N, C-alpha and C. Protein backbone atom coordinates (compact mmCIF):
# COMPACT_ATOMS: atom_id res chain seq x y z
N MET A 1 93.96 82.60 39.17
CA MET A 1 92.67 81.85 38.42
C MET A 1 93.70 80.72 37.53
N LYS A 2 92.82 80.29 37.06
CA LYS A 2 93.16 79.05 36.65
C LYS A 2 92.18 79.02 35.42
N ALA A 3 92.73 78.38 34.50
CA ALA A 3 91.91 77.70 32.95
C ALA A 3 91.82 76.16 33.44
N ILE A 4 90.98 75.82 32.84
CA ILE A 4 91.08 73.88 32.51
C ILE A 4 90.56 73.59 31.36
N PHE A 5 91.30 72.73 30.43
CA PHE A 5 91.10 72.68 29.30
C PHE A 5 90.56 71.23 28.90
N ILE A 6 89.62 70.92 28.83
CA ILE A 6 89.07 69.37 28.80
C ILE A 6 88.78 69.11 27.16
N SER A 7 89.25 68.34 27.09
CA SER A 7 88.92 67.43 25.42
C SER A 7 88.18 66.01 26.46
N TYR A 8 87.21 65.34 25.77
CA TYR A 8 86.59 64.19 25.95
C TYR A 8 85.93 63.78 24.88
N ASN A 9 85.19 62.36 25.03
CA ASN A 9 84.63 62.06 24.43
C ASN A 9 82.98 62.57 24.36
N GLN A 10 82.42 62.51 23.20
CA GLN A 10 81.30 63.09 23.04
C GLN A 10 79.94 62.35 23.74
N ALA A 11 80.27 61.28 24.29
CA ALA A 11 79.51 60.57 25.12
C ALA A 11 79.56 60.95 26.45
N TYR A 12 80.48 61.80 26.85
CA TYR A 12 80.51 62.62 28.09
C TYR A 12 79.69 63.57 28.08
N SER A 13 79.05 64.22 26.97
CA SER A 13 79.02 65.47 27.11
C SER A 13 77.77 66.00 28.30
N GLU A 14 76.97 65.55 28.62
CA GLU A 14 76.03 66.14 29.68
C GLU A 14 76.96 66.12 31.01
N GLU A 15 77.91 64.68 30.95
CA GLU A 15 78.39 64.48 32.12
C GLU A 15 79.56 65.54 32.58
N ILE A 16 79.58 66.09 31.49
CA ILE A 16 81.19 67.61 32.04
C ILE A 16 80.68 67.64 32.62
N VAL A 17 79.69 68.56 31.95
CA VAL A 17 78.78 70.12 32.29
C VAL A 17 78.35 69.76 33.39
N ALA A 18 77.48 68.31 34.06
CA ALA A 18 77.25 68.70 35.53
C ALA A 18 78.60 68.20 36.34
N VAL A 19 79.53 67.96 35.89
CA VAL A 19 81.13 68.08 37.01
C VAL A 19 80.98 69.43 37.25
N LEU A 20 80.94 70.69 36.49
CA LEU A 20 81.21 72.26 36.67
C LEU A 20 80.14 72.15 37.30
N GLU A 21 78.62 72.33 36.97
CA GLU A 21 77.98 72.81 37.84
C GLU A 21 78.15 71.95 39.19
N ASN A 22 78.34 71.04 39.32
CA ASN A 22 78.37 70.49 40.78
C ASN A 22 79.21 70.92 41.59
N ASN A 23 80.11 71.24 40.61
CA ASN A 23 81.37 72.34 41.49
C ASN A 23 81.10 74.26 41.58
N ARG A 24 79.85 74.24 41.09
CA ARG A 24 79.46 75.72 40.88
C ARG A 24 80.46 76.56 39.99
N GLN A 25 80.44 75.70 39.42
CA GLN A 25 81.35 76.87 37.98
C GLN A 25 80.16 76.94 37.04
N ARG A 26 80.42 77.91 36.66
CA ARG A 26 78.90 78.20 36.18
C ARG A 26 79.16 78.92 34.69
N GLY A 27 80.52 79.51 34.14
CA GLY A 27 80.88 79.60 33.18
C GLY A 27 82.21 78.47 32.06
N TYR A 28 81.47 79.00 30.60
CA TYR A 28 82.48 77.55 30.77
C TYR A 28 82.26 77.50 28.66
N THR A 29 83.14 77.74 27.95
CA THR A 29 82.94 77.86 26.25
C THR A 29 83.23 76.06 25.84
N ARG A 30 81.69 75.39 24.95
CA ARG A 30 82.48 74.75 24.71
C ARG A 30 82.50 74.48 23.20
N TRP A 31 83.07 73.68 22.74
CA TRP A 31 83.26 73.40 20.91
C TRP A 31 82.98 71.78 21.02
N THR A 32 82.21 71.53 20.01
CA THR A 32 81.86 70.26 19.35
C THR A 32 82.00 69.73 18.35
N ASP A 33 82.38 68.58 18.02
CA ASP A 33 82.77 67.56 17.07
C ASP A 33 84.43 67.72 16.73
N VAL A 34 84.68 68.09 17.98
CA VAL A 34 86.90 68.43 17.77
C VAL A 34 87.02 66.89 17.62
N GLN A 35 88.13 66.87 16.53
CA GLN A 35 88.58 65.41 15.60
C GLN A 35 90.03 65.55 16.69
N GLY A 36 90.76 64.28 16.76
CA GLY A 36 91.69 63.98 17.22
C GLY A 36 91.81 62.73 17.86
N LYS A 37 93.28 62.00 18.25
CA LYS A 37 93.31 60.82 18.61
C LYS A 37 94.80 61.09 19.84
N GLY A 38 94.72 60.28 21.16
CA GLY A 38 95.04 60.21 22.08
C GLY A 38 96.17 60.09 22.03
N GLY A 39 97.93 60.86 22.66
CA GLY A 39 98.69 60.72 22.79
C GLY A 39 99.09 59.42 23.24
N PHE A 40 98.63 58.75 24.17
CA PHE A 40 98.81 57.51 25.09
C PHE A 40 98.39 56.49 24.31
N ASN A 41 97.39 55.53 24.38
CA ASN A 41 96.78 54.89 23.81
C ASN A 41 95.24 54.63 23.30
N GLY A 42 94.85 56.37 23.18
CA GLY A 42 93.47 56.32 22.29
C GLY A 42 93.64 56.30 21.01
N ILE A 43 92.05 55.73 20.66
CA ILE A 43 91.86 55.69 19.08
C ILE A 43 91.93 57.27 18.67
N PRO A 44 91.34 57.08 17.16
CA PRO A 44 91.20 58.05 16.84
C PRO A 44 89.68 58.74 17.21
N HIS A 45 89.50 60.05 17.45
CA HIS A 45 87.80 60.23 17.24
C HIS A 45 87.61 61.32 15.81
N MET A 46 88.00 60.64 14.62
CA MET A 46 87.30 61.39 13.60
C MET A 46 86.34 61.81 12.59
N GLY A 47 85.33 61.62 13.13
CA GLY A 47 83.31 61.65 12.90
C GLY A 47 83.73 60.96 11.03
N SER A 48 84.51 60.01 11.09
CA SER A 48 84.38 59.04 9.43
C SER A 48 83.77 57.77 9.55
N HIS A 49 83.61 57.28 8.72
CA HIS A 49 83.43 56.00 8.77
C HIS A 49 84.24 54.98 9.67
N ALA A 50 85.13 55.22 9.30
CA ALA A 50 86.52 54.38 10.21
C ALA A 50 86.32 54.55 11.34
N TRP A 51 86.63 55.91 11.56
CA TRP A 51 86.79 56.21 13.18
C TRP A 51 85.95 57.45 13.36
N PRO A 52 83.95 56.46 13.35
CA PRO A 52 82.85 57.77 13.82
C PRO A 52 82.85 58.26 14.94
N GLU A 53 83.92 57.86 16.02
CA GLU A 53 83.25 58.88 17.35
C GLU A 53 84.02 60.50 17.10
N GLN A 54 83.52 61.12 17.76
CA GLN A 54 84.10 62.66 17.72
C GLN A 54 84.44 62.92 19.25
N ASN A 55 85.31 64.40 19.37
CA ASN A 55 85.30 64.60 21.06
C ASN A 55 84.70 65.78 20.86
N HIS A 56 84.50 66.31 22.41
CA HIS A 56 83.94 67.96 22.41
C HIS A 56 85.24 68.39 23.41
N ALA A 57 85.34 69.67 23.54
CA ALA A 57 86.07 70.34 24.18
C ALA A 57 85.48 71.48 25.13
N ILE A 58 85.87 72.00 26.66
CA ILE A 58 85.57 72.97 27.35
C ILE A 58 86.89 73.87 27.51
N LEU A 59 86.56 74.65 27.77
CA LEU A 59 87.69 75.60 28.26
C LEU A 59 86.56 76.84 29.53
N THR A 60 87.44 76.22 30.85
CA THR A 60 86.88 77.43 31.65
C THR A 60 87.66 77.80 32.41
N PHE A 61 86.98 78.94 33.15
CA PHE A 61 87.98 79.93 34.38
C PHE A 61 87.65 79.81 35.27
N VAL A 62 88.59 79.65 36.47
CA VAL A 62 88.34 78.68 37.83
C VAL A 62 89.05 79.71 38.80
N LYS A 63 88.81 79.58 39.47
CA LYS A 63 89.40 80.33 40.89
C LYS A 63 89.96 78.92 41.39
N ASP A 64 91.06 79.06 41.86
CA ASP A 64 92.05 78.82 42.27
C ASP A 64 91.68 77.07 43.62
N GLU A 65 90.73 77.29 44.43
CA GLU A 65 90.24 76.16 44.77
C GLU A 65 89.30 75.61 44.27
N LYS A 66 88.66 75.88 43.12
CA LYS A 66 87.81 74.98 42.31
C LYS A 66 88.97 73.96 41.53
N VAL A 67 90.00 74.48 40.70
CA VAL A 67 90.98 73.17 40.29
C VAL A 67 90.97 71.89 41.23
N ARG A 68 91.63 71.56 42.01
CA ARG A 68 91.74 70.11 42.52
C ARG A 68 90.60 69.33 42.86
N PRO A 69 88.80 70.09 42.99
CA PRO A 69 87.42 68.98 43.14
C PRO A 69 87.28 68.97 42.04
N ILE A 70 87.45 69.40 40.59
CA ILE A 70 87.03 69.48 39.26
C ILE A 70 87.77 68.60 38.73
N ILE A 71 88.90 68.71 38.67
CA ILE A 71 90.52 67.75 38.09
C ILE A 71 89.62 66.72 38.57
N ASP A 72 89.74 66.24 40.26
CA ASP A 72 89.55 64.82 41.11
C ASP A 72 88.28 64.31 40.24
N GLU A 73 87.42 65.09 40.46
CA GLU A 73 86.04 64.18 39.58
C GLU A 73 86.25 64.20 38.09
N LEU A 74 86.95 64.33 37.33
CA LEU A 74 87.08 64.51 36.02
C LEU A 74 87.90 62.76 35.93
N ARG A 75 89.17 63.10 36.61
CA ARG A 75 90.07 62.19 36.78
C ARG A 75 89.72 60.48 37.16
N THR A 76 88.15 60.69 37.90
CA THR A 76 87.64 59.01 38.77
C THR A 76 86.65 58.82 37.39
N LYS A 77 86.11 59.82 37.07
CA LYS A 77 85.12 59.85 35.78
C LYS A 77 86.15 59.13 34.58
N ASP A 78 87.70 59.37 34.36
CA ASP A 78 88.06 58.92 33.46
C ASP A 78 88.76 57.67 33.66
N GLU A 79 88.96 57.33 34.88
CA GLU A 79 89.39 55.89 35.43
C GLU A 79 87.99 54.90 35.06
N ALA A 80 87.04 55.30 35.21
CA ALA A 80 85.88 54.21 35.25
C ALA A 80 85.57 53.79 34.19
N THR A 81 85.93 54.84 33.05
CA THR A 81 85.79 54.26 31.48
C THR A 81 87.16 54.75 30.84
N PRO A 82 88.05 54.28 30.72
CA PRO A 82 89.43 54.62 30.13
C PRO A 82 89.49 54.60 28.66
N ASP A 83 88.31 54.19 27.91
CA ASP A 83 88.20 53.53 26.89
C ASP A 83 87.05 54.64 25.78
N LEU A 84 86.72 55.54 26.70
CA LEU A 84 86.23 56.97 25.94
C LEU A 84 87.38 57.79 25.68
N GLY A 85 88.00 58.15 26.46
CA GLY A 85 88.90 59.28 26.11
C GLY A 85 88.35 60.55 27.23
N LEU A 86 89.16 60.83 28.27
CA LEU A 86 89.03 61.86 29.05
C LEU A 86 90.46 62.69 28.98
N ARG A 87 90.90 64.15 29.02
CA ARG A 87 91.88 64.72 29.10
C ARG A 87 91.39 66.07 29.74
N ALA A 88 92.34 66.79 30.58
CA ALA A 88 92.01 67.84 31.30
C ALA A 88 93.79 68.30 31.91
N PHE A 89 93.76 69.65 31.18
CA PHE A 89 94.78 70.67 31.46
C PHE A 89 94.70 71.47 32.15
N VAL A 90 95.16 72.22 33.06
CA VAL A 90 95.51 73.84 34.04
C VAL A 90 96.63 74.12 33.26
N TRP A 91 95.99 75.32 33.33
CA TRP A 91 97.23 76.81 32.73
C TRP A 91 96.65 78.05 34.17
N ASN A 92 97.77 78.62 34.50
CA ASN A 92 97.73 79.77 35.11
C ASN A 92 97.46 80.76 33.98
N ILE A 93 96.73 81.59 35.10
CA ILE A 93 95.97 82.69 34.14
C ILE A 93 96.40 84.17 35.02
N GLU A 94 97.29 84.74 33.84
CA GLU A 94 98.22 86.24 34.35
C GLU A 94 97.16 86.75 34.33
N GLU A 95 96.24 87.64 33.78
CA GLU A 95 95.14 88.46 33.99
C GLU A 95 93.99 88.42 32.82
N GLY A 96 93.01 89.09 33.22
CA GLY A 96 91.97 88.87 32.86
C GLY A 96 90.90 90.18 33.26
N TYR A 97 89.88 90.01 32.44
CA TYR A 97 89.02 91.19 32.77
C TYR A 97 87.43 90.65 32.50
């Protein structure tokens, strides 16, 4: 089992959930109004007058075989609109119930 953490521009909100649904991934936890700045060339998303955009984040736990299709779909979305900001990270899960 793996965990996928997805941080994304709020404009992607419905699209990211659709990626999970397209891959029959039902469960996830979402945080809204997440502030931050990309580590590569991203602009700040702080919810302020100067930087009004914000991010959302999702954490989902998936079977190993679902990781690649989800990550590939997210990468395609990010490459199509790189200025919005979208990052995904995968972790191994040792145990859960």
